[in-house]
Amino acid sequence: MTIIAQARLGLHDPHDCTDASDELTVLHAVYDTLVKRKGQDFVPALAREWTVSDDACVWCFTLQTGVKFHDGTACDAAAVAASLLRMAREDKGYTLGAPAVWRQFLGGAKLEVLGPTQLRVILTEPMADLLDVLEQGFIVAPSAFSALDAGDHSVQIGSGPYRIAEVTPDRIRATRVEGHFSDAPANATVTWMLEPDAAKRQAMLTEGTVQVANDLNFKTSCSLGTTRHEFLSPVAIIYLLNAATGPLADARVRRALSLAVQREAIVETVMGGAARPLHGFVSPNHFGAARSAAGVEMDRKTARALLAEAGHGNGLTLEVDCPTRLPDEAERLTAAIAAQLAEVGVTLNVYAHPEREDYAHMVRRKEIHDLCVFDSSPMSTYRVLYEKIDSRVGGSWWQGYANPQIEALIDKGRVTTERATRAEIWRRAYALLQDDPAWLTLYNPLRVIGIAGDHPDFTMPADGVIDVTQLPLLEEIGHAG
């Protein structure tokens, strides 16, 4: 048995949208998706091949043959269509503060079952990056729909390489599905164990009672030696800027804030080195991110000049909303940012918010003051642009920013099916958003996972989610049973 100790444990509706890596690792083990993410690209999964029309509206998928759900029913094109339709329902796709995430892409789509292994998806709007959505489109057995709709999340029936064997409040155990169309995972049984305390997770790994310990303390985990694996989280820690009203409606003021901040110092003082400076609106792991790490650097002389040009030469006071968790360092971060902005004559008045979900709803309703601590987690560059930056969409997390050049690139990218060409379009958007930032971007956290044994070739996936099918053989390490 391979045991993974992690800080959170739980299963929800697989068609709700989540960025919780501790939940996604289970979902990706139990459920197949049409495609899998590999680096910045996609590889076949339940769909062994696909085509897309020149206008990026019509997608045709050829599925693996003979696939069965864990209850023995057929995982065919009709079942896939049923899952995608359920995923697009208005009451599904909920994530913290934002309902119906998937509906904005799949709502109104026409799904044509052309045969047991042939499915055509006709979108109402072009989306060349549809695979970004389908990578989290978990294909659920229709026999589980009624239980899930009733809120019984213990019923999780997929067709993935592992099937759920046991669910308790502190453990989820899954066993390998023999004969799955993908390569057989090395470990026959995987158990995800709840242990909220990072020090205890590390001790369990050292003692051999677990084989994997996720989300370890960045510094204390250094004692693990070769069992310690450090990786970049693609989650962007940012401040959303109110570009609709107030001082930050002026692009010069937004750029001045970006130029006033020394990200490297924030990484050291706030994160203790457990992050990398973020110089653009998406992480280096994202499709279409700049090829080099170079980007916005501190230039307080230019920042002061921009503030003076905007009429704030004698100082500027901004009001900032700050949660007390998620990110957990939000209050320390805001204090550090305040100290840096003071160097260019900007003062922050801080409003603390202890209720995180209420905070998210406030942000979604666009009731923030001048700026607010937030994060950006989608692995899809297109989704970030569409949902958060395009003024014509005015998505859940959009805060009034508008840039016609960016929107022209979004329109071009969404119909550009050639992947390399589309990546270059997103790189151009990346550069424009450095000159006219929608947000104050700060850093990507560095995370640590511990894996028993010596595995020098192990790397975490780009999305920071443990792929249990790619874990080395661990069942023979340690004395867990």
Protein backbone atom coordinates (compact mmCIF):
# COMPACT_ATOMS: atom_id res chain seq x y z
CA MET A 1 0.00 0.00 0.00
CA THR A 2 1.21 3.49 -0.89
CA ILE A 3 0.05 6.16 1.56
CA ILE A 4 0.02 9.86 0.73
CA ALA A 5 -0.25 12.23 3.69
CA GLN A 6 -1.85 15.55 2.82
CA ALA A 7 -3.30 18.60 4.57
CA ARG A 8 -6.87 18.31 3.29
CA LEU A 9 -9.05 15.40 2.36
CA GLY A 10 -12.47 15.25 0.84
CA LEU A 11 -14.46 14.52 -2.26
CA HIS A 12 -17.05 16.82 -3.75
CA ASP A 13 -18.98 16.80 -6.98
CA PRO A 14 -16.42 16.06 -9.72
CA HIS A 15 -18.20 18.51 -12.03
CA ASP A 16 -17.63 21.42 -9.72
CA CYS A 17 -14.57 23.48 -10.54
CA THR A 18 -11.73 23.21 -8.04
CA ASP A 19 -8.10 24.24 -7.86
CA ALA A 20 -7.53 22.21 -4.67
CA SER A 21 -4.54 20.01 -5.49
CA ASP A 22 -5.33 17.62 -2.63
CA GLU A 23 -8.70 16.88 -4.20
CA LEU A 24 -7.60 16.93 -7.83
CA THR A 25 -5.05 14.16 -7.22
CA VAL A 26 -7.90 11.85 -6.20
CA LEU A 27 -10.22 12.92 -9.01
CA HIS A 28 -7.58 12.40 -11.70
CA ALA A 29 -6.91 8.90 -10.35
CA VAL A 30 -10.55 7.85 -10.27
CA TYR A 31 -11.82 9.55 -13.41
CA ASP A 32 -10.70 9.64 -16.99
CA THR A 33 -10.73 12.87 -18.94
CA LEU A 34 -10.64 13.20 -22.70
CA VAL A 35 -7.08 14.54 -22.58
CA LYS A 36 -4.28 14.87 -20.03
CA ARG A 37 -2.00 17.84 -19.51
CA LYS A 38 1.68 17.21 -20.18
CA GLY A 39 3.83 20.24 -19.55
CA GLN A 40 2.28 23.03 -21.60
CA ASP A 41 0.62 20.62 -24.03
CA PHE A 42 -1.96 17.82 -24.03
CA VAL A 43 -1.75 14.11 -24.74
CA PRO A 44 -4.48 11.53 -25.44
CA ALA A 45 -6.40 9.96 -22.59
CA LEU A 46 -10.00 8.75 -23.00
CA ALA A 47 -9.86 10.45 -26.41
CA ARG A 48 -7.16 8.75 -28.41
CA GLU A 49 -7.32 11.41 -31.12
CA TRP A 50 -9.19 14.58 -32.02
CA THR A 51 -9.61 17.22 -34.70
CA VAL A 52 -10.75 20.82 -34.60
CA SER A 53 -12.28 22.92 -37.36
CA ASP A 54 -10.51 25.98 -38.74
CA ASP A 55 -12.93 28.27 -36.87
CA ALA A 56 -12.25 26.44 -33.55
CA CYS A 57 -15.97 25.72 -33.08
CA VAL A 58 -16.26 22.05 -34.05
CA TRP A 59 -14.28 19.41 -32.19
CA CYS A 60 -14.40 15.71 -33.09
CA PHE A 61 -13.12 13.10 -30.64
CA THR A 62 -12.36 9.43 -31.24
CA LEU A 63 -12.51 7.54 -27.95
CA GLN A 64 -10.71 4.48 -26.65
CA THR A 65 -12.66 1.31 -27.37
CA GLY A 66 -14.22 -1.00 -24.80
CA VAL A 67 -13.77 1.26 -21.78
CA LYS A 68 -15.94 0.44 -18.76
CA PHE A 69 -16.85 2.45 -15.72
CA HIS A 70 -16.01 0.91 -12.36
CA ASP A 71 -19.62 -0.30 -12.06
CA GLY A 72 -19.29 -2.24 -15.32
CA THR A 73 -21.34 0.11 -17.50
CA ALA A 74 -20.00 1.36 -20.81
CA CYS A 75 -17.89 4.52 -20.89
CA ASP A 76 -18.79 5.39 -24.46
CA ALA A 77 -19.51 8.55 -26.43
CA ALA A 78 -23.04 8.81 -25.02
CA ALA A 79 -21.70 8.68 -21.46
CA VAL A 80 -19.04 11.26 -22.26
CA ALA A 81 -21.68 13.55 -23.74
CA ALA A 82 -23.84 13.11 -20.63
CA SER A 83 -20.93 14.16 -18.39
CA LEU A 84 -20.10 17.21 -20.49
CA LEU A 85 -23.75 18.26 -20.47
CA ARG A 86 -23.91 17.86 -16.70
CA MET A 87 -20.65 19.76 -16.32
CA ALA A 88 -22.19 22.66 -18.26
CA ARG A 89 -25.27 22.91 -16.07
CA GLU A 90 -25.82 26.25 -14.39
CA ASP A 91 -25.78 24.61 -10.94
CA LYS A 92 -22.43 22.89 -11.62
CA GLY A 93 -18.91 24.18 -12.04
CA TYR A 94 -19.08 26.04 -8.73
CA THR A 95 -15.83 27.22 -7.27
CA LEU A 96 -15.17 29.50 -4.31
CA GLY A 97 -17.27 32.57 -4.99
CA ALA A 98 -17.93 31.83 -8.68
CA PRO A 99 -20.80 29.68 -9.99
CA ALA A 100 -21.08 27.92 -13.35
CA VAL A 101 -17.43 28.19 -14.40
CA TRP A 102 -17.76 25.56 -17.12
CA ARG A 103 -21.06 26.82 -18.50
CA GLN A 104 -19.42 29.89 -20.01
CA PHE A 105 -17.50 27.57 -22.35
CA LEU A 106 -19.78 24.54 -22.79
CA GLY A 107 -23.19 26.12 -22.26
CA GLY A 108 -25.27 25.82 -25.42
CA ALA A 109 -22.81 23.42 -27.04
CA LYS A 110 -24.34 20.77 -29.29
CA LEU A 111 -23.05 17.26 -28.53
CA GLU A 112 -23.51 14.74 -31.31
CA VAL A 113 -22.93 11.04 -30.60
CA LEU A 114 -21.86 9.67 -33.97
CA GLY A 115 -21.11 6.17 -32.71
CA PRO A 116 -19.88 4.36 -29.59
CA THR A 117 -16.45 5.96 -29.90
CA GLN A 118 -17.25 9.07 -31.93
CA LEU A 119 -18.32 12.39 -30.38
CA ARG A 120 -18.69 15.77 -32.04
CA VAL A 121 -18.80 18.94 -29.93
CA ILE A 122 -20.13 22.06 -31.63
CA LEU A 123 -19.45 25.18 -29.57
CA THR A 124 -21.53 28.34 -29.74
CA GLU A 125 -18.30 30.40 -29.72
CA PRO A 126 -14.81 29.50 -30.94
CA MET A 127 -12.35 28.24 -28.35
CA ALA A 128 -9.02 27.00 -29.63
CA ASP A 129 -8.04 26.25 -26.03
CA LEU A 130 -11.02 23.98 -25.30
CA LEU A 131 -8.66 21.23 -24.14
CA ASP A 132 -7.87 23.41 -21.11
CA VAL A 133 -11.47 22.85 -19.99
CA LEU A 134 -11.71 19.21 -21.02
CA GLU A 135 -8.58 18.40 -19.02
CA GLN A 136 -10.78 18.90 -15.95
CA GLY A 137 -13.88 17.43 -17.55
CA PHE A 138 -14.13 14.31 -15.40
CA ILE A 139 -16.19 11.62 -17.10
CA VAL A 140 -18.60 10.26 -14.50
CA ALA A 141 -20.76 7.17 -14.83
CA PRO A 142 -24.36 8.32 -15.47
CA SER A 143 -25.41 5.81 -12.79
CA ALA A 144 -23.81 8.13 -10.20
CA PHE A 145 -25.59 11.32 -11.28
CA SER A 146 -28.63 11.01 -9.05
CA ALA A 147 -26.58 10.37 -5.90
CA LEU A 148 -24.24 13.24 -6.68
CA ASP A 149 -27.18 15.53 -7.40
CA ALA A 150 -28.58 14.59 -3.99
CA GLY A 151 -25.28 15.62 -2.37
CA ASP A 152 -23.99 12.11 -1.70
CA HIS A 153 -20.35 12.59 -2.61
CA SER A 154 -19.38 9.13 -1.39
CA VAL A 155 -20.61 7.84 -4.76
CA GLN A 156 -17.65 8.37 -7.10
CA ILE A 157 -17.83 6.11 -10.16
CA GLY A 158 -15.34 6.78 -12.91
CA SER A 159 -13.40 4.77 -15.47
CA GLY A 160 -9.94 5.87 -14.35
CA PRO A 161 -6.87 3.81 -13.49
CA TYR A 162 -7.93 3.56 -9.82
CA ARG A 163 -11.32 2.76 -8.29
CA ILE A 164 -12.49 3.96 -4.89
CA ALA A 165 -12.44 1.12 -2.35
CA GLU A 166 -13.05 2.98 0.92
CA VAL A 167 -13.88 6.50 2.08
CA THR A 168 -13.64 7.53 5.73
CA PRO A 169 -13.25 10.99 7.29
CA ASP A 170 -9.48 10.61 7.40
CA ARG A 171 -8.70 8.22 4.52
CA ILE A 172 -9.59 7.54 0.90
CA ARG A 173 -8.32 4.23 -0.42
CA ALA A 174 -8.27 3.28 -4.11
CA THR A 175 -7.15 0.15 -5.91
CA ARG A 176 -5.59 -0.20 -9.34
CA VAL A 177 -7.87 -1.11 -12.25
CA GLU A 178 -6.28 -3.97 -14.14
CA GLY A 179 -6.42 -3.69 -17.91
CA HIS A 180 -6.97 0.06 -18.02
CA PHE A 181 -6.18 1.51 -21.44
CA SER A 182 -3.35 3.64 -20.02
CA ASP A 183 -0.10 2.19 -18.81
CA ALA A 184 -0.65 0.37 -15.52
CA PRO A 185 0.39 2.48 -12.50
CA ALA A 186 3.28 1.06 -10.48
CA ASN A 187 1.38 0.93 -7.18
CA ALA A 188 -1.56 -1.44 -6.73
CA THR A 189 -3.18 0.51 -3.89
CA VAL A 190 -3.07 4.21 -3.05
CA THR A 191 -4.40 5.73 0.18
CA TRP A 192 -4.73 9.46 0.73
CA MET A 193 -4.48 10.19 4.45
CA LEU A 194 -5.56 13.35 6.24
CA GLU A 195 -2.87 14.99 8.36
CA PRO A 196 -3.25 18.78 8.68
CA ASP A 197 0.09 19.32 10.43
CA ALA A 198 3.07 19.64 8.06
CA ALA A 199 5.57 18.64 10.75
CA LYS A 200 3.64 15.45 11.43
CA ARG A 201 3.46 14.67 7.72
CA GLN A 202 7.22 14.99 7.49
CA ALA A 203 7.74 12.83 10.57
CA MET A 204 5.47 10.12 9.13
CA LEU A 205 7.53 10.11 5.95
CA THR A 206 10.79 9.86 7.90
CA GLU A 207 9.40 7.05 10.06
CA GLY A 208 8.19 5.13 7.01
CA THR A 209 4.50 5.14 7.96
CA VAL A 210 3.71 7.01 4.73
CA GLN A 211 5.49 6.95 1.40
CA VAL A 212 4.50 10.44 0.18
CA ALA A 213 4.08 13.64 2.20
CA ASN A 214 2.66 16.63 0.35
CA ASP A 215 2.99 20.36 1.05
CA LEU A 216 5.86 20.22 3.52
CA ASN A 217 7.46 23.19 5.25
CA PHE A 218 9.91 24.74 2.82
CA LYS A 219 12.80 25.11 5.27
CA THR A 220 12.42 22.24 7.74
CA SER A 221 11.97 19.78 4.86
CA CYS A 222 15.57 20.48 3.78
CA SER A 223 16.61 17.81 6.30
CA LEU A 224 14.99 15.17 4.08
CA GLY A 225 17.85 15.16 1.60
CA THR A 226 17.12 13.31 -1.64
CA THR A 227 13.56 12.44 -0.59
CA ARG A 228 12.71 16.17 -0.82
CA HIS A 229 11.37 17.46 -4.16
CA GLU A 230 10.77 21.17 -4.67
CA PHE A 231 8.48 22.49 -7.41
CA LEU A 232 6.91 25.72 -8.61
CA SER A 233 3.21 26.20 -8.01
CA PRO A 234 1.51 27.87 -11.00
CA VAL A 235 -0.81 29.78 -8.64
CA ALA A 236 -0.17 33.51 -8.98
CA ILE A 237 -0.27 35.60 -5.81
CA ILE A 238 -1.51 39.03 -6.86
CA TYR A 239 -3.49 42.11 -5.94
CA LEU A 240 -6.56 42.68 -8.06
CA LEU A 241 -6.75 46.38 -8.95
CA ASN A 242 -9.99 48.35 -9.16
CA ALA A 243 -9.63 49.78 -12.65
CA ALA A 244 -13.28 50.85 -12.78
CA THR A 245 -13.24 53.72 -10.29
CA GLY A 246 -10.70 55.61 -8.24
CA PRO A 247 -6.99 56.20 -8.76
CA LEU A 248 -6.30 52.76 -10.28
CA ALA A 249 -8.59 53.48 -13.21
CA ASP A 250 -5.52 55.38 -14.46
CA ALA A 251 -3.09 53.04 -16.24
CA ARG A 252 -0.17 55.21 -15.10
CA VAL A 253 -0.99 54.55 -11.45
CA ARG A 254 -1.36 50.81 -12.02
CA ARG A 255 2.03 50.69 -13.74
CA ALA A 256 3.58 52.82 -11.00
CA LEU A 257 2.54 50.26 -8.36
CA SER A 258 4.08 47.47 -10.40
CA LEU A 259 7.35 49.37 -10.82
CA ALA A 260 7.50 50.35 -7.13
CA VAL A 261 7.57 46.79 -5.80
CA GLN A 262 10.74 44.77 -5.34
CA ARG A 263 9.42 41.23 -5.73
CA GLU A 264 12.65 39.54 -4.71
CA ALA A 265 12.52 41.26 -1.31
CA ILE A 266 8.88 40.18 -0.86
CA VAL A 267 9.89 36.58 -1.60
CA GLU A 268 12.55 36.71 1.09
CA THR A 269 10.78 38.68 3.82
CA VAL A 270 7.25 37.31 3.45
CA MET A 271 7.84 33.84 2.03
CA GLY A 272 11.26 33.03 3.49
CA GLY A 273 12.52 32.23 0.00
CA ALA A 274 9.65 29.82 -0.70
CA ALA A 275 8.53 31.52 -3.91
CA ARG A 276 9.79 32.91 -7.19
CA PRO A 277 9.09 36.46 -8.35
CA LEU A 278 6.22 36.63 -10.85
CA HIS A 279 6.95 39.07 -13.66
CA GLY A 280 3.80 38.52 -15.71
CA PHE A 281 0.12 37.64 -15.39
CA VAL A 282 0.71 33.86 -15.59
CA SER A 283 3.44 31.57 -14.29
CA PRO A 284 6.34 30.21 -16.37
CA ASN A 285 4.45 26.88 -16.35
CA HIS A 286 1.64 28.39 -18.42
CA PHE A 287 1.15 28.00 -22.16
CA GLY A 288 2.27 31.18 -23.91
CA ALA A 289 4.18 32.63 -20.97
CA ALA A 290 7.34 34.55 -21.79
CA ARG A 291 10.25 32.26 -22.59
CA SER A 292 12.55 34.08 -20.16
CA ALA A 293 12.02 35.13 -16.55
CA ALA A 294 12.81 38.75 -17.41
CA GLY A 295 9.92 41.10 -16.94
CA VAL A 296 8.80 43.94 -14.73
CA GLU A 297 11.65 45.06 -12.50
CA MET A 298 11.66 47.64 -9.74
CA ASP A 299 12.08 51.22 -11.00
CA ARG A 300 10.95 53.61 -8.30
CA LYS A 301 12.17 56.69 -10.15
CA THR A 302 9.82 55.95 -13.03
CA ALA A 303 7.08 55.00 -10.55
CA ARG A 304 7.31 58.41 -8.87
CA ALA A 305 7.27 60.16 -12.24
CA LEU A 306 4.15 58.26 -13.32
CA LEU A 307 2.38 59.08 -10.05
CA ALA A 308 3.26 62.76 -10.44
CA GLU A 309 2.07 62.74 -14.04
CA ALA A 310 -1.23 61.26 -12.84
CA GLY A 311 -1.64 64.07 -10.32
CA HIS A 312 -0.35 62.28 -7.20
CA GLY A 313 3.03 63.96 -6.82
CA ASN A 314 2.22 64.90 -3.23
CA GLY A 315 1.23 61.37 -2.23
CA LEU A 316 -1.59 58.91 -2.72
CA THR A 317 -3.68 56.91 -0.25
CA LEU A 318 -5.18 53.61 -1.42
CA GLU A 319 -7.61 51.36 0.40
CA VAL A 320 -6.84 47.64 0.30
CA ASP A 321 -8.96 44.61 1.19
CA CYS A 322 -7.06 41.76 2.83
CA PRO A 323 -8.28 38.27 3.81
CA THR A 324 -6.84 36.58 6.87
CA ARG A 325 -6.26 33.33 4.97
CA LEU A 326 -5.95 32.03 1.40
CA PRO A 327 -3.28 33.09 0.98
CA ASP A 328 -2.39 32.56 4.61
CA GLU A 329 0.40 35.13 4.37
CA ALA A 330 -1.99 37.86 3.12
CA GLU A 331 -1.67 40.13 6.16
CA ARG A 332 2.12 39.87 6.30
CA LEU A 333 2.23 40.42 2.55
CA THR A 334 0.10 43.54 2.77
CA ALA A 335 2.30 44.98 5.51
CA ALA A 336 5.41 44.36 3.38
CA ILE A 337 3.80 45.87 0.29
CA ALA A 338 2.74 48.91 2.33
CA ALA A 339 6.32 49.46 3.43
CA GLN A 340 7.59 49.28 -0.16
CA LEU A 341 4.89 51.54 -1.62
CA ALA A 342 5.61 54.12 1.07
CA GLU A 343 8.96 54.63 -0.71
CA VAL A 344 7.08 56.23 -3.64
CA GLY A 345 4.57 58.16 -1.54
CA VAL A 346 1.72 55.64 -1.54
CA THR A 347 -0.07 54.89 1.74
CA LEU A 348 -2.31 51.87 2.28
CA ASN A 349 -5.39 51.77 4.50
CA VAL A 350 -6.13 48.10 5.20
CA TYR A 351 -9.53 46.41 5.66
CA ALA A 352 -9.20 42.87 7.08
CA HIS A 353 -11.71 40.16 6.12
CA PRO A 354 -11.76 36.98 8.28
CA GLU A 355 -14.54 35.16 6.34
CA ARG A 356 -12.83 33.90 3.18
CA GLU A 357 -15.92 32.84 1.26
CA ASP A 358 -17.68 36.12 2.04
CA TYR A 359 -14.53 37.85 0.83
CA ALA A 360 -14.63 35.93 -2.47
CA HIS A 361 -18.27 36.89 -3.00
CA MET A 362 -17.39 40.53 -2.30
CA VAL A 363 -14.69 40.38 -4.96
CA ARG A 364 -17.03 38.68 -7.43
CA ARG A 365 -19.64 41.41 -6.84
CA LYS A 366 -16.87 43.94 -7.62
CA GLU A 367 -17.22 45.63 -4.25
CA ILE A 368 -13.50 45.90 -3.51
CA HIS A 369 -11.89 49.16 -2.50
CA ASP A 370 -8.86 50.16 -4.57
CA LEU A 371 -7.13 46.78 -4.50
CA CYS A 372 -7.38 43.39 -2.83
CA VAL A 373 -5.16 40.40 -2.12
CA PHE A 374 -6.11 37.48 -4.34
CA ASP A 375 -4.70 34.62 -6.36
CA SER A 376 -5.09 33.36 -9.89
CA SER A 377 -5.09 29.59 -10.25
CA PRO A 378 -6.37 28.40 -13.67
CA MET A 379 -3.68 26.60 -15.66
CA SER A 380 -5.29 27.92 -18.84
CA THR A 381 -3.79 31.16 -20.15
CA TYR A 382 -6.89 31.67 -22.27
CA ARG A 383 -9.20 31.22 -19.28
CA VAL A 384 -7.26 33.81 -17.29
CA LEU A 385 -7.52 36.31 -20.15
CA TYR A 386 -11.17 35.56 -20.85
CA GLU A 387 -12.52 35.26 -17.31
CA LYS A 388 -10.43 37.91 -15.56
CA ILE A 389 -9.13 40.48 -18.04
CA ASP A 390 -11.56 40.78 -20.99
CA SER A 391 -13.85 43.76 -20.26
CA ARG A 392 -16.47 42.47 -22.72
CA VAL A 393 -16.95 39.36 -20.60
CA GLY A 394 -16.78 41.09 -17.22
CA GLY A 395 -16.14 37.77 -15.50
CA SER A 396 -16.33 36.94 -11.82
CA TRP A 397 -12.89 38.29 -10.97
CA TRP A 398 -12.71 41.13 -13.52
CA GLN A 399 -12.38 44.51 -11.82
CA GLY A 400 -12.90 47.09 -14.56
CA TYR A 401 -9.72 46.72 -16.61
CA ALA A 402 -10.02 47.33 -20.36
CA ASN A 403 -7.37 47.24 -23.07
CA PRO A 404 -8.51 47.02 -26.72
CA GLN A 405 -5.12 45.63 -27.82
CA ILE A 406 -5.39 42.76 -25.33
CA GLU A 407 -8.95 42.05 -26.39
CA ALA A 408 -7.94 41.98 -30.06
CA LEU A 409 -5.32 39.36 -29.17
CA ILE A 410 -7.91 37.33 -27.25
CA ASP A 411 -10.15 37.36 -30.33
CA LYS A 412 -7.27 36.27 -32.52
CA GLY A 413 -6.04 33.58 -30.16
CA ARG A 414 -9.42 31.96 -29.63
CA VAL A 415 -9.70 31.13 -33.37
CA THR A 416 -6.04 30.20 -33.93
CA THR A 417 -5.95 26.41 -33.84
CA GLU A 418 -2.25 26.09 -34.70
CA ARG A 419 -0.71 25.73 -31.27
CA ALA A 420 2.67 27.39 -31.81
CA THR A 421 1.05 30.40 -33.46
CA ARG A 422 -1.44 30.70 -30.61
CA ALA A 423 1.37 30.52 -28.05
CA GLU A 424 3.01 33.50 -29.73
CA ILE A 425 -0.27 35.45 -29.53
CA TRP A 426 -0.46 34.79 -25.80
CA ARG A 427 3.19 35.86 -25.44
CA ARG A 428 2.27 39.18 -27.05
CA ALA A 429 -0.57 39.56 -24.56
CA TYR A 430 1.89 38.75 -21.78
CA ALA A 431 4.17 41.58 -22.91
CA LEU A 432 1.32 44.08 -23.23
CA LEU A 433 0.12 43.25 -19.73
CA GLN A 434 3.55 44.14 -18.37
CA ASP A 435 3.29 47.63 -19.88
CA ASP A 436 -0.35 48.06 -18.85
CA PRO A 437 -0.89 45.71 -15.88
CA ALA A 438 -4.37 44.62 -14.90
CA TRP A 439 -3.06 43.38 -11.54
CA LEU A 440 -0.12 43.82 -9.22
CA THR A 441 1.61 40.46 -9.76
CA LEU A 442 4.01 39.27 -7.06
CA TYR A 443 5.11 35.64 -6.92
CA ASN A 444 4.47 31.95 -7.50
CA PRO A 445 4.93 29.84 -4.33
CA LEU A 446 7.48 27.06 -4.20
CA ARG A 447 6.06 23.83 -2.78
CA VAL A 448 7.73 20.72 -1.40
CA ILE A 449 6.74 17.08 -1.66
CA GLY A 450 8.56 14.25 0.09
CA ILE A 451 8.79 10.80 -1.55
CA ALA A 452 10.32 7.78 0.16
CA GLY A 453 13.41 6.41 -1.52
CA ASP A 454 15.78 7.91 -4.05
CA HIS A 455 14.03 9.13 -7.21
CA PRO A 456 16.29 11.68 -8.92
CA ASP A 457 14.20 11.70 -12.12
CA PHE A 458 10.91 12.49 -10.40
CA THR A 459 9.26 15.75 -11.42
CA MET A 460 5.90 17.18 -10.43
CA PRO A 461 3.37 17.97 -13.17
CA ALA A 462 3.15 21.59 -14.33
CA ASP A 463 -0.15 22.09 -12.50
CA GLY A 464 1.32 21.06 -9.14
CA VAL A 465 -1.09 18.13 -8.68
CA ILE A 466 0.27 14.71 -7.72
CA ASP A 467 -0.35 12.26 -10.56
CA VAL A 468 -0.47 8.95 -8.72
CA THR A 469 -0.23 7.04 -12.00
CA GLN A 470 3.27 8.48 -12.45
CA LEU A 471 4.57 7.74 -8.95
CA PRO A 472 7.47 5.28 -8.76
CA LEU A 473 6.93 1.92 -7.09
CA LEU A 474 6.60 2.78 -3.40
CA GLU A 475 4.64 -0.11 -1.93
CA GLU A 476 7.81 -1.93 -0.98
CA ILE A 477 9.26 1.07 0.87
CA GLY A 478 8.53 1.62 4.56
CA HIS A 479 6.44 -0.57 6.83
CA ALA A 480 2.95 0.84 6.27
CA GLY A 481 0.27 -1.74 5.81
